[in-house]
PDB file of all heavy atoms in Angstrom:
ATOM      1  N   PRO A   1     132.392  85.492  56.368  1.00  0.00           N
ATOM      2  CA  PRO A   1     131.016  85.308  56.852  1.00  0.00           C
ATOM      3  C   PRO A   1     130.444  86.516  57.574  1.00  0.00           C
ATOM      4  O   PRO A   1     129.227  86.636  57.705  1.00  0.00           O
ATOM      5  CB  PRO A   1     131.138  84.105  57.802  1.00  0.00           C
ATOM      6  CG  PRO A   1     132.579  84.046  58.173  1.00  0.00           C
ATOM      7  CD  PRO A   1     133.329  84.548  56.990  1.00  0.00           C
ATOM      8  N   GLY A   2     131.299  87.447  58.031  1.00  0.00           N
ATOM      9  CA  GLY A   2     130.776  88.620  58.705  1.00  0.00           C
ATOM     10  C   GLY A   2     130.158  89.641  57.776  1.00  0.00           C
ATOM     11  O   GLY A   2     129.515  90.587  58.227  1.00  0.00           O
ATOM     12  N   ALA A   3     130.341  89.469  56.462  1.00  0.00           N
ATOM     13  CA  ALA A   3     129.819  90.417  55.477  1.00  0.00           C
ATOM     14  C   ALA A   3     128.619  89.826  54.758  1.00  0.00           C
ATOM     15  O   ALA A   3     128.599  88.639  54.447  1.00  0.00           O
ATOM     16  CB  ALA A   3     130.914  90.773  54.468  1.00  0.00           C
ATOM     17  N   PHE A   4     127.618  90.667  54.468  1.00  0.00           N
ATOM     18  CA  PHE A   4     126.476  90.171  53.707  1.00  0.00           C
ATOM     19  C   PHE A   4     126.700  90.319  52.204  1.00  0.00           C
ATOM     20  O   PHE A   4     126.012  89.712  51.390  1.00  0.00           O
ATOM     21  CB  PHE A   4     125.174  90.875  54.116  1.00  0.00           C
ATOM     22  CG  PHE A   4     125.129  92.354  53.813  1.00  0.00           C
ATOM     23  CD1 PHE A   4     124.811  92.809  52.541  1.00  0.00           C
ATOM     24  CD2 PHE A   4     125.369  93.279  54.806  1.00  0.00           C
ATOM     25  CE1 PHE A   4     124.761  94.167  52.263  1.00  0.00           C
ATOM     26  CE2 PHE A   4     125.322  94.639  54.540  1.00  0.00           C
ATOM     27  CZ  PHE A   4     125.024  95.079  53.269  1.00  0.00           C
ATOM     28  N   GLU A   5     127.688  91.157  51.832  1.00  0.00           N
ATOM     29  CA  GLU A   5     128.019  91.335  50.415  1.00  0.00           C
ATOM     30  C   GLU A   5     129.517  91.524  50.291  1.00  0.00           C
ATOM     31  O   GLU A   5     130.153  92.119  51.156  1.00  0.00           O
ATOM     32  CB  GLU A   5     127.288  92.558  49.852  1.00  0.00           C
ATOM     33  CG  GLU A   5     127.298  92.655  48.332  1.00  0.00           C
ATOM     34  CD  GLU A   5     126.511  91.528  47.701  1.00  0.00           C
ATOM     35  OE1 GLU A   5     125.286  91.654  47.579  1.00  0.00           O
ATOM     36  OE2 GLU A   5     127.153  90.501  47.344  1.00  0.00           O
ATOM     37  N   ILE A   6     130.068  90.986  49.220  1.00  0.00           N
ATOM     38  CA  ILE A   6     131.491  91.174  48.985  1.00  0.00           C
ATOM     39  C   ILE A   6     131.759  91.037  47.500  1.00  0.00           C
ATOM     40  O   ILE A   6     131.213  90.154  46.832  1.00  0.00           O
ATOM     41  CB  ILE A   6     132.335  90.165  49.795  1.00  0.00           C
ATOM     42  CG1 ILE A   6     133.832  90.424  49.593  1.00  0.00           C
ATOM     43  CG2 ILE A   6     131.991  88.744  49.445  1.00  0.00           C
ATOM     44  CD1 ILE A   6     134.687  89.721  50.628  1.00  0.00           C
ATOM     45  N   LYS A   7     132.571  91.949  46.968  1.00  0.00           N
ATOM     46  CA  LYS A   7     132.886  91.940  45.545  1.00  0.00           C
ATOM     47  C   LYS A   7     134.331  92.398  45.372  1.00  0.00           C
ATOM     48  O   LYS A   7     134.747  93.407  45.936  1.00  0.00           O
ATOM     49  CB  LYS A   7     131.939  92.881  44.789  1.00  0.00           C
ATOM     50  CG  LYS A   7     132.197  92.930  43.284  1.00  0.00           C
ATOM     51  CD  LYS A   7     131.876  91.615  42.607  1.00  0.00           C
ATOM     52  CE  LYS A   7     132.070  91.713  41.094  1.00  0.00           C
ATOM     53  NZ  LYS A   7     131.842  90.410  40.437  1.00  0.00           N
ATOM     54  N   ALA A   8     135.081  91.633  44.579  1.00  0.00           N
ATOM     55  CA  ALA A   8     136.485  91.965  44.341  1.00  0.00           C
ATOM     56  C   ALA A   8     136.623  92.824  43.097  1.00  0.00           C
ATOM     57  O   ALA A   8     135.948  92.607  42.086  1.00  0.00           O
ATOM     58  CB  ALA A   8     137.297  90.679  44.181  1.00  0.00           C
ATOM     59  N   PHE A   9     137.519  93.817  43.165  1.00  0.00           N
ATOM     60  CA  PHE A   9     137.814  94.703  42.041  1.00  0.00           C
ATOM     61  C   PHE A   9     139.331  94.826  41.877  1.00  0.00           C
ATOM     62  O   PHE A   9     140.103  94.391  42.726  1.00  0.00           O
ATOM     63  CB  PHE A   9     137.218  96.096  42.270  1.00  0.00           C
ATOM     64  CG  PHE A   9     135.718  96.145  42.250  1.00  0.00           C
ATOM     65  CD1 PHE A   9     134.995  96.288  43.423  1.00  0.00           C
ATOM     66  CD2 PHE A   9     135.013  96.038  41.052  1.00  0.00           C
ATOM     67  CE1 PHE A   9     133.607  96.338  43.410  1.00  0.00           C
ATOM     68  CE2 PHE A   9     133.626  96.080  41.030  1.00  0.00           C
ATOM     69  CZ  PHE A   9     132.931  96.232  42.208  1.00  0.00           C
ATOM     70  N   ALA A  10     139.721  95.463  40.772  1.00  0.00           N
ATOM     71  CA  ALA A  10     141.138  95.743  40.510  1.00  0.00           C
ATOM     72  C   ALA A  10     141.982  94.484  40.642  1.00  0.00           C
ATOM     73  O   ALA A  10     142.942  94.428  41.410  1.00  0.00           O
ATOM     74  CB  ALA A  10     141.646  96.848  41.438  1.00  0.00           C
ATOM     75  N   ASP A  11     141.583  93.461  39.881  1.00  0.00           N
ATOM     76  CA  ASP A  11     142.313  92.185  39.863  1.00  0.00           C
ATOM     77  C   ASP A  11     142.405  91.558  41.249  1.00  0.00           C
ATOM     78  O   ASP A  11     143.399  90.901  41.590  1.00  0.00           O
ATOM     79  CB  ASP A  11     143.719  92.380  39.282  1.00  0.00           C
ATOM     80  CG  ASP A  11     143.686  92.958  37.869  1.00  0.00           C
ATOM     81  OD1 ASP A  11     142.813  92.544  37.092  1.00  0.00           O
ATOM     82  OD2 ASP A  11     144.518  93.833  37.563  1.00  0.00           O
ATOM     83  N   GLY A  12     141.365  91.763  42.059  1.00  0.00           N
ATOM     84  CA  GLY A  12     141.301  91.146  43.374  1.00  0.00           C
ATOM     85  C   GLY A  12     142.010  91.894  44.478  1.00  0.00           C
ATOM     86  O   GLY A  12     141.955  91.477  45.644  1.00  0.00           O
ATOM     87  N   LEU A  13     142.661  93.011  44.161  1.00  0.00           N
ATOM     88  CA  LEU A  13     143.403  93.757  45.180  1.00  0.00           C
ATOM     89  C   LEU A  13     142.484  94.541  46.119  1.00  0.00           C
ATOM     90  O   LEU A  13     142.813  94.773  47.281  1.00  0.00           O
ATOM     91  CB  LEU A  13     144.393  94.720  44.520  1.00  0.00           C
ATOM     92  CG  LEU A  13     145.532  94.077  43.718  1.00  0.00           C
ATOM     93  CD1 LEU A  13     146.342  95.152  42.999  1.00  0.00           C
ATOM     94  CD2 LEU A  13     146.426  93.252  44.633  1.00  0.00           C
ATOM     95  N   VAL A  14     141.339  94.967  45.600  1.00  0.00           N
ATOM     96  CA  VAL A  14     140.395  95.787  46.371  1.00  0.00           C
ATOM     97  C   VAL A  14     139.097  95.012  46.549  1.00  0.00           C
ATOM     98  O   VAL A  14     138.580  94.428  45.594  1.00  0.00           O
ATOM     99  CB  VAL A  14     140.111  97.119  45.648  1.00  0.00           C
ATOM    100  CG1 VAL A  14     139.040  97.915  46.384  1.00  0.00           C
ATOM    101  CG2 VAL A  14     141.384  97.936  45.517  1.00  0.00           C
ATOM    102  N   TRP A  15     138.595  95.023  47.780  1.00  0.00           N
ATOM    103  CA  TRP A  15     137.292  94.414  48.050  1.00  0.00           C
ATOM    104  C   TRP A  15     136.293  95.492  48.463  1.00  0.00           C
ATOM    105  O   TRP A  15     136.626  96.393  49.247  1.00  0.00           O
ATOM    106  CB  TRP A  15     137.390  93.378  49.165  1.00  0.00           C
ATOM    107  CG  TRP A  15     137.969  92.062  48.719  1.00  0.00           C
ATOM    108  CD1 TRP A  15     138.551  91.775  47.519  1.00  0.00           C
ATOM    109  CD2 TRP A  15     138.023  90.856  49.490  1.00  0.00           C
ATOM    110  NE1 TRP A  15     138.957  90.461  47.486  1.00  0.00           N
ATOM    111  CE2 TRP A  15     138.653  89.882  48.674  1.00  0.00           C
ATOM    112  CE3 TRP A  15     137.611  90.510  50.767  1.00  0.00           C
ATOM    113  CZ2 TRP A  15     138.876  88.580  49.120  1.00  0.00           C
ATOM    114  CZ3 TRP A  15     137.827  89.215  51.210  1.00  0.00           C
ATOM    115  CH2 TRP A  15     138.439  88.256  50.395  1.00  0.00           C
ATOM    116  N   ALA A  16     135.096  95.380  47.912  1.00  0.00           N
ATOM    117  CA  ALA A  16     133.971  96.178  48.384  1.00  0.00           C
ATOM    118  C   ALA A  16     133.114  95.256  49.248  1.00  0.00           C
ATOM    119  O   ALA A  16     132.759  94.156  48.824  1.00  0.00           O
ATOM    120  CB  ALA A  16     133.168  96.726  47.216  1.00  0.00           C
ATOM    121  N   VAL A  17     132.800  95.702  50.454  1.00  0.00           N
ATOM    122  CA  VAL A  17     132.183  94.830  51.453  1.00  0.00           C
ATOM    123  C   VAL A  17     130.936  95.483  52.030  1.00  0.00           C
ATOM    124  O   VAL A  17     130.923  96.691  52.310  1.00  0.00           O
ATOM    125  CB  VAL A  17     133.186  94.523  52.589  1.00  0.00           C
ATOM    126  CG1 VAL A  17     132.572  93.586  53.620  1.00  0.00           C
ATOM    127  CG2 VAL A  17     134.475  93.920  52.028  1.00  0.00           C
ATOM    128  N   GLY A  18     129.893  94.682  52.205  1.00  0.00           N
ATOM    129  CA  GLY A  18     128.680  95.153  52.859  1.00  0.00           C
ATOM    130  C   GLY A  18     128.557  94.528  54.238  1.00  0.00           C
ATOM    131  O   GLY A  18     128.689  93.312  54.387  1.00  0.00           O
ATOM    132  N   VAL A  19     128.317  95.347  55.259  1.00  0.00           N
ATOM    133  CA  VAL A  19     128.230  94.877  56.645  1.00  0.00           C
ATOM    134  C   VAL A  19     127.042  95.534  57.331  1.00  0.00           C
ATOM    135  O   VAL A  19     126.780  96.725  57.126  1.00  0.00           O
ATOM    136  CB  VAL A  19     129.515  95.219  57.442  1.00  0.00           C
ATOM    137  CG1 VAL A  19     129.437  94.651  58.851  1.00  0.00           C
ATOM    138  CG2 VAL A  19     130.746  94.698  56.738  1.00  0.00           C
ATOM    139  N   ARG A  20     126.356  94.763  58.161  1.00  0.00           N
ATOM    140  CA  ARG A  20     125.247  95.307  58.941  1.00  0.00           C
ATOM    141  C   ARG A  20     125.762  95.738  60.315  1.00  0.00           C
ATOM    142  O   ARG A  20     126.488  94.995  60.975  1.00  0.00           O
ATOM    143  CB  ARG A  20     124.135  94.267  59.104  1.00  0.00           C
ATOM    144  CG  ARG A  20     122.862  94.827  59.738  1.00  0.00           C
ATOM    145  CD  ARG A  20     121.747  93.801  59.693  1.00  0.00           C
ATOM    146  NE  ARG A  20     120.513  94.307  60.250  1.00  0.00           N
ATOM    147  CZ  ARG A  20     119.627  95.039  59.606  1.00  0.00           C
ATOM    148  NH1 ARG A  20     119.861  95.357  58.336  1.00  0.00           N
ATOM    149  NH2 ARG A  20     118.514  95.450  60.177  1.00  0.00           N
ATOM    150  N   MET A  21     125.387  96.925  60.738  1.00  0.00           N
ATOM    151  CA  MET A  21     125.849  97.471  62.010  1.00  0.00           C
ATOM    152  C   MET A  21     125.036  96.896  63.176  1.00  0.00           C
ATOM    153  O   MET A  21     123.824  97.108  63.264  1.00  0.00           O
ATOM    154  CB  MET A  21     125.716  99.000  62.018  1.00  0.00           C
ATOM    155  CG  MET A  21     126.590  99.723  60.999  1.00  0.00           C
ATOM    156  SD  MET A  21     128.359  99.665  61.378  1.00  0.00           S
ATOM    157  CE  MET A  21     128.871  98.238  60.413  1.00  0.00           C
ATOM    158  N   ALA A  22     125.721  96.165  64.051  1.00  0.00           N
ATOM    159  CA  ALA A  22     125.072  95.589  65.225  1.00  0.00           C
ATOM    160  C   ALA A  22     124.964  96.640  66.330  1.00  0.00           C
ATOM    161  O   ALA A  22     125.615  97.689  66.298  1.00  0.00           O
ATOM    162  CB  ALA A  22     125.872  94.384  65.717  1.00  0.00           C
ATOM    163  N   ASP A  23     124.146  96.327  67.334  1.00  0.00           N
ATOM    164  CA  ASP A  23     123.918  97.277  68.429  1.00  0.00           C
ATOM    165  C   ASP A  23     125.201  97.609  69.184  1.00  0.00           C
ATOM    166  O   ASP A  23     125.331  98.702  69.744  1.00  0.00           O
ATOM    167  CB  ASP A  23     122.893  96.710  69.417  1.00  0.00           C
ATOM    168  CG  ASP A  23     121.509  96.586  68.792  1.00  0.00           C
ATOM    169  OD1 ASP A  23     121.247  97.321  67.825  1.00  0.00           O
ATOM    170  OD2 ASP A  23     120.711  95.757  69.263  1.00  0.00           O
ATOM    171  N   ASP A  24     126.144  96.652  69.237  1.00  0.00           N
ATOM    172  CA  ASP A  24     127.372  96.866  70.010  1.00  0.00           C
ATOM    173  C   ASP A  24     128.556  97.295  69.151  1.00  0.00           C
ATOM    174  O   ASP A  24     129.699  97.268  69.608  1.00  0.00           O
ATOM    175  CB  ASP A  24     127.733  95.586  70.777  1.00  0.00           C
ATOM    176  CG  ASP A  24     127.931  94.386  69.844  1.00  0.00           C
ATOM    177  OD1 ASP A  24     127.634  94.519  68.636  1.00  0.00           O
ATOM    178  OD2 ASP A  24     128.371  93.329  70.332  1.00  0.00           O
ATOM    179  N   CYS A  25     128.310  97.709  67.915  1.00  0.00           N
ATOM    180  CA  CYS A  25     129.397  98.141  67.045  1.00  0.00           C
ATOM    181  C   CYS A  25     130.052  99.391  67.635  1.00  0.00           C
ATOM    182  O   CYS A  25     129.356 100.379  67.928  1.00  0.00           O
ATOM    183  CB  CYS A  25     128.873  98.433  65.641  1.00  0.00           C
ATOM    184  SG  CYS A  25     130.152  99.025  64.514  1.00  0.00           S
ATOM    185  N   PRO A  26     131.370  99.410  67.822  1.00  0.00           N
ATOM    186  CA  PRO A  26     132.016 100.534  68.518  1.00  0.00           C
ATOM    187  C   PRO A  26     132.031 101.852  67.754  1.00  0.00           C
ATOM    188  O   PRO A  26     132.309 102.892  68.352  1.00  0.00           O
ATOM    189  CB  PRO A  26     133.447 100.020  68.735  1.00  0.00           C
ATOM    190  CG  PRO A  26     133.654  98.991  67.675  1.00  0.00           C
ATOM    191  CD  PRO A  26     132.316  98.342  67.475  1.00  0.00           C
ATOM    192  N   VAL A  27     131.763 101.835  66.460  1.00  0.00           N
ATOM    193  CA  VAL A  27     131.825 103.093  65.694  1.00  0.00           C
ATOM    194  C   VAL A  27     130.469 103.785  65.594  1.00  0.00           C
ATOM    195  O   VAL A  27     130.365 104.835  64.950  1.00  0.00           O
ATOM    196  CB  VAL A  27     132.391 102.854  64.271  1.00  0.00           C
ATOM    197  CG1 VAL A  27     133.764 102.222  64.322  1.00  0.00           C
ATOM    198  CG2 VAL A  27     131.441 102.010  63.432  1.00  0.00           C
ATOM    199  N   LEU A  28     129.447 103.239  66.235  1.00  0.00           N
ATOM    200  CA  LEU A  28     128.128 103.866  66.175  1.00  0.00           C
ATOM    201  C   LEU A  28     128.141 105.232  66.857  1.00  0.00           C
ATOM    202  O   LEU A  28     128.902 105.483  67.798  1.00  0.00           O
ATOM    203  CB  LEU A  28     127.085 102.976  66.850  1.00  0.00           C
ATOM    204  CG  LEU A  28     126.812 101.602  66.221  1.00  0.00           C
ATOM    205  CD1 LEU A  28     125.688 100.901  66.978  1.00  0.00           C
ATOM    206  CD2 LEU A  28     126.469 101.726  64.751  1.00  0.00           C
ATOM    207  N   ASN A  29     127.265 106.103  66.344  1.00  0.00           N
ATOM    208  CA  ASN A  29     127.040 107.424  66.956  1.00  0.00           C
ATOM    209  C   ASN A  29     128.316 108.258  67.050  1.00  0.00           C
ATOM    210  O   ASN A  29     128.488 109.059  67.972  1.00  0.00           O
ATOM    211  CB  ASN A  29     126.410 107.263  68.346  1.00  0.00           C
ATOM    212  CG  ASN A  29     125.130 106.446  68.299  1.00  0.00           C
ATOM    213  OD1 ASN A  29     124.287 106.650  67.426  1.00  0.00           O
ATOM    214  ND2 ASN A  29     125.002 105.495  69.220  1.00  0.00           N
ATOM    215  N   THR A  30     129.199 108.062  66.082  1.00  0.00           N
ATOM    216  CA  THR A  30     130.433 108.837  65.990  1.00  0.00           C
ATOM    217  C   THR A  30     130.502 109.466  64.606  1.00  0.00           C
ATOM    218  O   THR A  30     130.361 108.757  63.609  1.00  0.00           O
ATOM    219  CB  THR A  30     131.667 107.942  66.190  1.00  0.00           C
ATOM    220  OG1 THR A  30     131.588 107.306  67.467  1.00  0.00           O
ATOM    221  CG2 THR A  30     132.947 108.767  66.119  1.00  0.00           C
ATOM    222  N   PRO A  31     130.686 110.788  64.496  1.00  0.00           N
ATOM    223  CA  PRO A  31     130.818 111.387  63.157  1.00  0.00           C
ATOM    224  C   PRO A  31     131.925 110.682  62.374  1.00  0.00           C
ATOM    225  O   PRO A  31     133.006 110.404  62.906  1.00  0.00           O
ATOM    226  CB  PRO A  31     131.173 112.846  63.471  1.00  0.00           C
ATOM    227  CG  PRO A  31     130.588 113.091  64.823  1.00  0.00           C
ATOM    228  CD  PRO A  31     130.749 111.795  65.563  1.00  0.00           C
ATOM    229  N   LEU A  32     131.662 110.391  61.124  1.00  0.00           N
ATOM    230  CA  LEU A  32     132.618 109.633  60.318  1.00  0.00           C
ATOM    231  C   LEU A  32     133.977 110.315  60.236  1.00  0.00           C
ATOM    232  O   LEU A  32     135.008 109.651  60.113  1.00  0.00           O
ATOM    233  CB  LEU A  32     132.048 109.411  58.913  1.00  0.00           C
ATOM    234  CG  LEU A  32     130.814 108.502  58.831  1.00  0.00           C
ATOM    235  CD1 LEU A  32     130.356 108.369  57.383  1.00  0.00           C
ATOM    236  CD2 LEU A  32     131.097 107.135  59.422  1.00  0.00           C
ATOM    237  N   LYS A  33     134.008 111.648  60.328  1.00  0.00           N
ATOM    238  CA  LYS A  33     135.288 112.347  60.231  1.00  0.00           C
ATOM    239  C   LYS A  33     136.201 112.055  61.425  1.00  0.00           C
ATOM    240  O   LYS A  33     137.412 112.277  61.360  1.00  0.00           O
ATOM    241  CB  LYS A  33     135.055 113.850  60.116  1.00  0.00           C
ATOM    242  CG  LYS A  33     134.341 114.476  61.304  1.00  0.00           C
ATOM    243  CD  LYS A  33     134.041 115.944  61.047  1.00  0.00           C
ATOM    244  CE  LYS A  33     133.250 116.571  62.186  1.00  0.00           C
ATOM    245  NZ  LYS A  33     132.863 117.968  61.889  1.00  0.00           N
ATOM    246  N   HIS A  34     135.617 111.513  62.517  1.00  0.00           N
ATOM    247  CA  HIS A  34     136.420 111.188  63.697  1.00  0.00           C
ATOM    248  C   HIS A  34     136.751 109.704  63.801  1.00  0.00           C
ATOM    249  O   HIS A  34     137.562 109.320  64.663  1.00  0.00           O
ATOM    250  CB  HIS A  34     135.684 111.615  64.976  1.00  0.00           C
ATOM    251  CG  HIS A  34     135.445 113.089  65.072  1.00  0.00           C
ATOM    252  ND1 HIS A  34     136.413 114.023  64.758  1.00  0.00           N
ATOM    253  CD2 HIS A  34     134.338 113.794  65.450  1.00  0.00           C
ATOM    254  CE1 HIS A  34     135.928 115.243  64.937  1.00  0.00           C
ATOM    255  NE2 HIS A  34     134.674 115.137  65.352  1.00  0.00           N
ATOM    256  N   VAL A  35     136.137 108.887  62.968  1.00  0.00           N
ATOM    257  CA  VAL A  35     136.316 107.434  63.083  1.00  0.00           C
ATOM    258  C   VAL A  35     137.772 107.037  62.859  1.00  0.00           C
ATOM    259  O   VAL A  35     138.335 106.216  63.593  1.00  0.00           O
ATOM    260  CB  VAL A  35     135.388 106.692  62.095  1.00  0.00           C
ATOM    261  CG1 VAL A  35     135.770 105.221  61.996  1.00  0.00           C
ATOM    262  CG2 VAL A  35     133.932 106.816  62.546  1.00  0.00           C
ATOM    263  N   ALA A  36     138.419 107.614  61.840  1.00  0.00           N
ATOM    264  CA  ALA A  36     139.806 107.247  61.540  1.00  0.00           C
ATOM    265  C   ALA A  36     140.732 107.600  62.697  1.00  0.00           C
ATOM    266  O   ALA A  36     141.692 106.872  62.976  1.00  0.00           O
ATOM    267  CB  ALA A  36     140.263 107.944  60.262  1.00  0.00           C
ATOM    268  N   GLU A  37     140.448 108.713  63.406  1.00  0.00           N
ATOM    269  CA  GLU A  37     141.284 109.102  64.546  1.00  0.00           C
ATOM    270  C   GLU A  37     141.101 108.135  65.711  1.00  0.00           C
ATOM    271  O   GLU A  37     142.075 107.761  66.387  1.00  0.00           O
ATOM    272  CB  GLU A  37     140.916 110.513  65.002  1.00  0.00           C
ATOM    273  CG  GLU A  37     141.071 111.582  63.923  1.00  0.00           C
ATOM    274  CD  GLU A  37     140.452 112.901  64.350  1.00  0.00           C
ATOM    275  OE1 GLU A  37     140.125 113.037  65.545  1.00  0.00           O
ATOM    276  OE2 GLU A  37     140.286 113.788  63.492  1.00  0.00           O
ATOM    277  N   LEU A  38     139.859 107.726  65.951  1.00  0.00           N
ATOM    278  CA  LEU A  38     139.570 106.844  67.079  1.00  0.00           C
ATOM    279  C   LEU A  38     139.972 105.398  66.809  1.00  0.00           C
ATOM    280  O   LEU A  38     140.317 104.654  67.735  1.00  0.00           O
ATOM    281  CB  LEU A  38     138.073 106.914  67.412  1.00  0.00           C
ATOM    282  CG  LEU A  38     137.561 108.277  67.891  1.00  0.00           C
ATOM    283  CD1 LEU A  38     136.044 108.271  67.995  1.00  0.00           C
ATOM    284  CD2 LEU A  38     138.181 108.630  69.243  1.00  0.00           C
ATOM    285  N   PHE A  39     139.922 104.997  65.523  1.00  0.00           N
ATOM    286  CA  PHE A  39     140.232 103.608  65.157  1.00  0.00           C
ATOM    287  C   PHE A  39     141.235 103.617  64.003  1.00  0.00           C
ATOM    288  O   PHE A  39     140.881 103.347  62.849  1.00  0.00           O
ATOM    289  CB  PHE A  39     138.956 102.864  64.749  1.00  0.00           C
ATOM    290  CG  PHE A  39     137.889 102.854  65.807  1.00  0.00           C
ATOM    291  CD1 PHE A  39     136.890 103.829  65.824  1.00  0.00           C
ATOM    292  CD2 PHE A  39     137.883 101.879  66.790  1.00  0.00           C
ATOM    293  CE1 PHE A  39     135.909 103.823  66.797  1.00  0.00           C
ATOM    294  CE2 PHE A  39     136.897 101.866  67.773  1.00  0.00           C
ATOM    295  CZ  PHE A  39     135.913 102.847  67.782  1.00  0.00           C
ATOM    296  N   PRO A  40     142.501 103.926  64.296  1.00  0.00           N
ATOM    297  CA  PRO A  40     143.493 104.040  63.216  1.00  0.00           C
ATOM    298  C   PRO A  40     143.724 102.750  62.441  1.00  0.00           C
ATOM    299  O   PRO A  40     144.194 102.783  61.303  1.00  0.00           O
ATOM    300  CB  PRO A  40     144.769 104.480  63.955  1.00  0.00           C
ATOM    301  CG  PRO A  40     144.536 104.116  65.389  1.00  0.00           C
ATOM    302  CD  PRO A  40     143.062 104.240  65.615  1.00  0.00           C
ATOM    303  N   GLU A  41     143.398 101.604  63.044  1.00  0.00           N
ATOM    304  CA  GLU A  41     143.565 100.326  62.350  1.00  0.00           C
ATOM    305  C   GLU A  41     142.416 100.031  61.386  1.00  0.00           C
ATOM    306  O   GLU A  41     142.494  99.081  60.620  1.00  0.00           O
ATOM    307  CB  GLU A  41     143.675  99.182  63.354  1.00  0.00           C
ATOM    308  CG  GLU A  41     144.968  99.151  64.145  1.00  0.00           C
ATOM    309  CD  GLU A  41     145.058  97.910  64.994  1.00  0.00           C
ATOM    310  OE1 GLU A  41     145.480  96.855  64.499  1.00  0.00           O
ATOM    311  OE2 GLU A  41     144.669  97.999  66.184  1.00  0.00           O
ATOM    312  N   LEU A  42     141.378 100.843  61.449  1.00  0.00           N
ATOM    313  CA  LEU A  42     140.224 100.639  60.574  1.00  0.00           C
ATOM    314  C   LEU A  42     140.503 101.308  59.233  1.00  0.00           C
ATOM    315  O   LEU A  42     140.057 102.423  58.968  1.00  0.00           O
ATOM    316  CB  LEU A  42     138.959 101.215  61.221  1.00  0.00           C
ATOM    317  CG  LEU A  42     137.627 100.939  60.511  1.00  0.00           C
ATOM    318  CD1 LEU A  42     137.344  99.452  60.456  1.00  0.00           C
ATOM    319  CD2 LEU A  42     136.492 101.672  61.216  1.00  0.00           C
ATOM    320  N   GLU A  43     141.227 100.613  58.374  1.00  0.00           N
ATOM    321  CA  GLU A  43     141.675 101.185  57.110  1.00  0.00           C
ATOM    322  C   GLU A  43     140.665 100.888  56.004  1.00  0.00           C
ATOM    323  O   GLU A  43     140.849  99.984  55.187  1.00  0.00           O
ATOM    324  CB  GLU A  43     143.066 100.642  56.762  1.00  0.00           C
ATOM    325  CG  GLU A  43     144.111 100.995  57.808  1.00  0.00           C
ATOM    326  CD  GLU A  43     145.471 100.427  57.474  1.00  0.00           C
ATOM    327  OE1 GLU A  43     146.043 100.821  56.431  1.00  0.00           O
ATOM    328  OE2 GLU A  43     145.964  99.580  58.242  1.00  0.00           O
TER     329      GLU A  43
END
């Protein structure tokens, strides 16, 4: 329910997901190249 769009690919192993960024989203205003370092669990 947190996604506005979702589609399964590769026999269901991979999901493509659409999400709207809320005002309190912790990854806002961070260059994408640093997101993986700051949030290693965000795979």
